[in-house]
């Protein structure tokens, strides 16, 4: 019974690496004075970018033009903070392992 409750409380973000960046415009919620990096998709909605491991996150940073972003792992203790921050800043969903050069991603998901 406890295992079901633990699984239900897990966010889709748990275990992923998110990139945090300073945002100049006023945002409603921040983590360490930063917000998660997001991308605007073809449907004109924002998606938070998540990466399966730190190497994938660093590769994205190397291939993109984003300066001063820092990778942070989402764990059970901080998942609610990351989730509420992403939603408060307009994230409609999640893209996992987005590749800058091909503009492809491994998986898309709703935020929960």
Protein backbone atom coordinates (compact mmCIF):
# COMPACT_ATOMS: atom_id res chain seq x y z
CA UNK A 1 0.00 0.00 0.00
CA UNK A 2 2.83 2.45 0.85
CA UNK A 3 4.53 1.66 -2.47
CA UNK A 4 1.38 2.76 -4.37
CA UNK A 5 1.32 6.06 -2.47
CA UNK A 6 5.02 6.64 -3.20
CA UNK A 7 4.53 5.94 -6.91
CA UNK A 8 1.49 8.24 -7.11
CA UNK A 9 3.44 11.07 -5.46
CA UNK A 10 6.31 10.88 -7.96
CA UNK A 11 6.55 13.59 -10.54
CA UNK A 12 7.51 12.89 -14.15
CA UNK A 13 10.48 15.19 -13.42
CA UNK A 14 11.87 12.94 -10.67
CA UNK A 15 15.31 11.60 -11.64
CA UNK A 16 15.78 13.99 -14.55
CA UNK A 17 18.30 16.82 -14.81
CA UNK A 18 16.84 20.28 -15.41
CA UNK A 19 18.80 23.36 -16.39
CA UNK A 20 18.34 26.50 -14.33
CA UNK A 21 19.06 29.92 -15.76
CA UNK A 22 18.73 33.51 -14.60
CA UNK A 23 15.69 35.18 -16.07
CA UNK A 24 15.68 38.93 -16.44
CA UNK A 25 11.94 39.38 -16.68
CA UNK A 26 9.84 39.02 -13.57
CA UNK A 27 8.73 35.43 -13.10
CA UNK A 28 6.28 34.28 -10.51
CA UNK A 29 8.38 31.51 -8.98
CA UNK A 30 12.10 30.75 -8.94
CA UNK A 31 14.55 28.16 -7.65
CA UNK A 32 17.80 29.62 -6.30
CA UNK A 33 16.85 32.88 -8.09
CA UNK A 34 16.62 30.96 -11.38
CA UNK A 35 14.00 29.31 -13.57
CA UNK A 36 14.07 26.06 -15.58
CA UNK A 37 15.11 26.29 -19.23
CA UNK A 38 12.13 25.84 -21.55
CA UNK A 39 11.58 25.58 -25.28
CA UNK A 40 8.64 26.77 -27.35
CA UNK A 41 7.26 23.96 -29.48
CA UNK A 42 5.44 24.09 -32.80
CA UNK A 43 2.11 24.31 -30.98
CA UNK A 44 3.31 27.63 -29.49
CA UNK A 45 3.43 26.17 -25.97
CA UNK A 46 6.39 26.11 -23.59
CA UNK A 47 7.97 22.85 -22.50
CA UNK A 48 10.51 22.42 -19.73
CA UNK A 49 13.63 20.61 -20.92
CA UNK A 50 14.68 17.57 -18.90
CA UNK A 51 17.64 15.28 -19.45
CA UNK A 52 18.13 11.64 -18.44
CA UNK A 53 21.64 12.29 -17.18
CA UNK A 54 24.13 15.07 -16.52
CA UNK A 55 26.11 14.25 -19.68
CA UNK A 56 23.06 14.88 -21.86
CA UNK A 57 22.37 18.14 -20.04
CA UNK A 58 25.96 19.30 -20.52
CA UNK A 59 25.88 18.35 -24.21
CA UNK A 60 22.76 20.47 -24.67
CA UNK A 61 24.48 23.40 -22.99
CA UNK A 62 27.54 22.98 -25.19
CA UNK A 63 25.42 22.86 -28.38
CA UNK A 64 23.07 25.70 -27.44
CA UNK A 65 23.61 29.41 -27.01
CA UNK A 66 22.52 29.39 -23.37
CA UNK A 67 25.01 31.01 -21.02
CA UNK A 68 25.29 30.52 -17.27
CA UNK A 69 22.80 27.67 -16.99
CA UNK A 70 23.41 25.14 -14.25
CA UNK A 71 22.17 21.53 -14.23
CA UNK A 72 20.22 20.34 -11.18
CA UNK A 73 18.89 16.85 -10.55
CA UNK A 74 15.27 16.47 -9.54
CA UNK A 75 14.83 14.16 -6.55
CA UNK A 76 11.92 13.39 -4.25
CA UNK A 77 12.89 16.16 -1.83
CA UNK A 78 12.79 18.93 -4.48
CA UNK A 79 10.44 17.58 -7.15
CA UNK A 80 7.43 19.59 -5.98
CA UNK A 81 9.46 22.80 -6.01
CA UNK A 82 10.68 22.17 -9.58
CA UNK A 83 7.21 21.15 -10.74
CA UNK A 84 5.44 24.17 -9.28
CA UNK A 85 8.16 26.49 -10.60
CA UNK A 86 7.88 25.09 -14.13
CA UNK A 87 4.09 25.36 -14.12
CA UNK A 88 4.12 28.86 -12.63
CA UNK A 89 6.45 29.97 -15.42
CA UNK A 90 4.23 28.65 -18.21
CA UNK A 91 5.40 25.09 -18.88
CA UNK A 92 2.70 23.01 -20.53
CA UNK A 93 4.73 19.81 -20.60
CA UNK A 94 8.15 18.18 -20.66
CA UNK A 95 10.61 17.33 -23.44
CA UNK A 96 13.28 14.78 -22.52
CA UNK A 97 16.77 14.84 -24.05
CA UNK A 98 16.13 17.59 -26.59
CA UNK A 99 18.87 17.73 -29.25
CA UNK A 100 19.68 21.21 -30.56
CA UNK A 101 21.07 20.15 -33.93
CA UNK A 102 18.32 17.72 -34.96
CA UNK A 103 15.52 19.47 -33.03
CA UNK A 104 14.36 16.06 -31.84
CA UNK A 105 13.69 14.70 -28.38
CA UNK A 106 13.43 11.26 -26.83
CA UNK A 107 10.07 11.72 -25.13
CA UNK A 108 7.34 14.25 -24.47
CA UNK A 109 5.09 14.19 -21.43
CA UNK A 110 2.55 16.15 -19.45
CA UNK A 111 3.79 17.71 -16.22
CA UNK A 112 2.63 15.97 -13.04
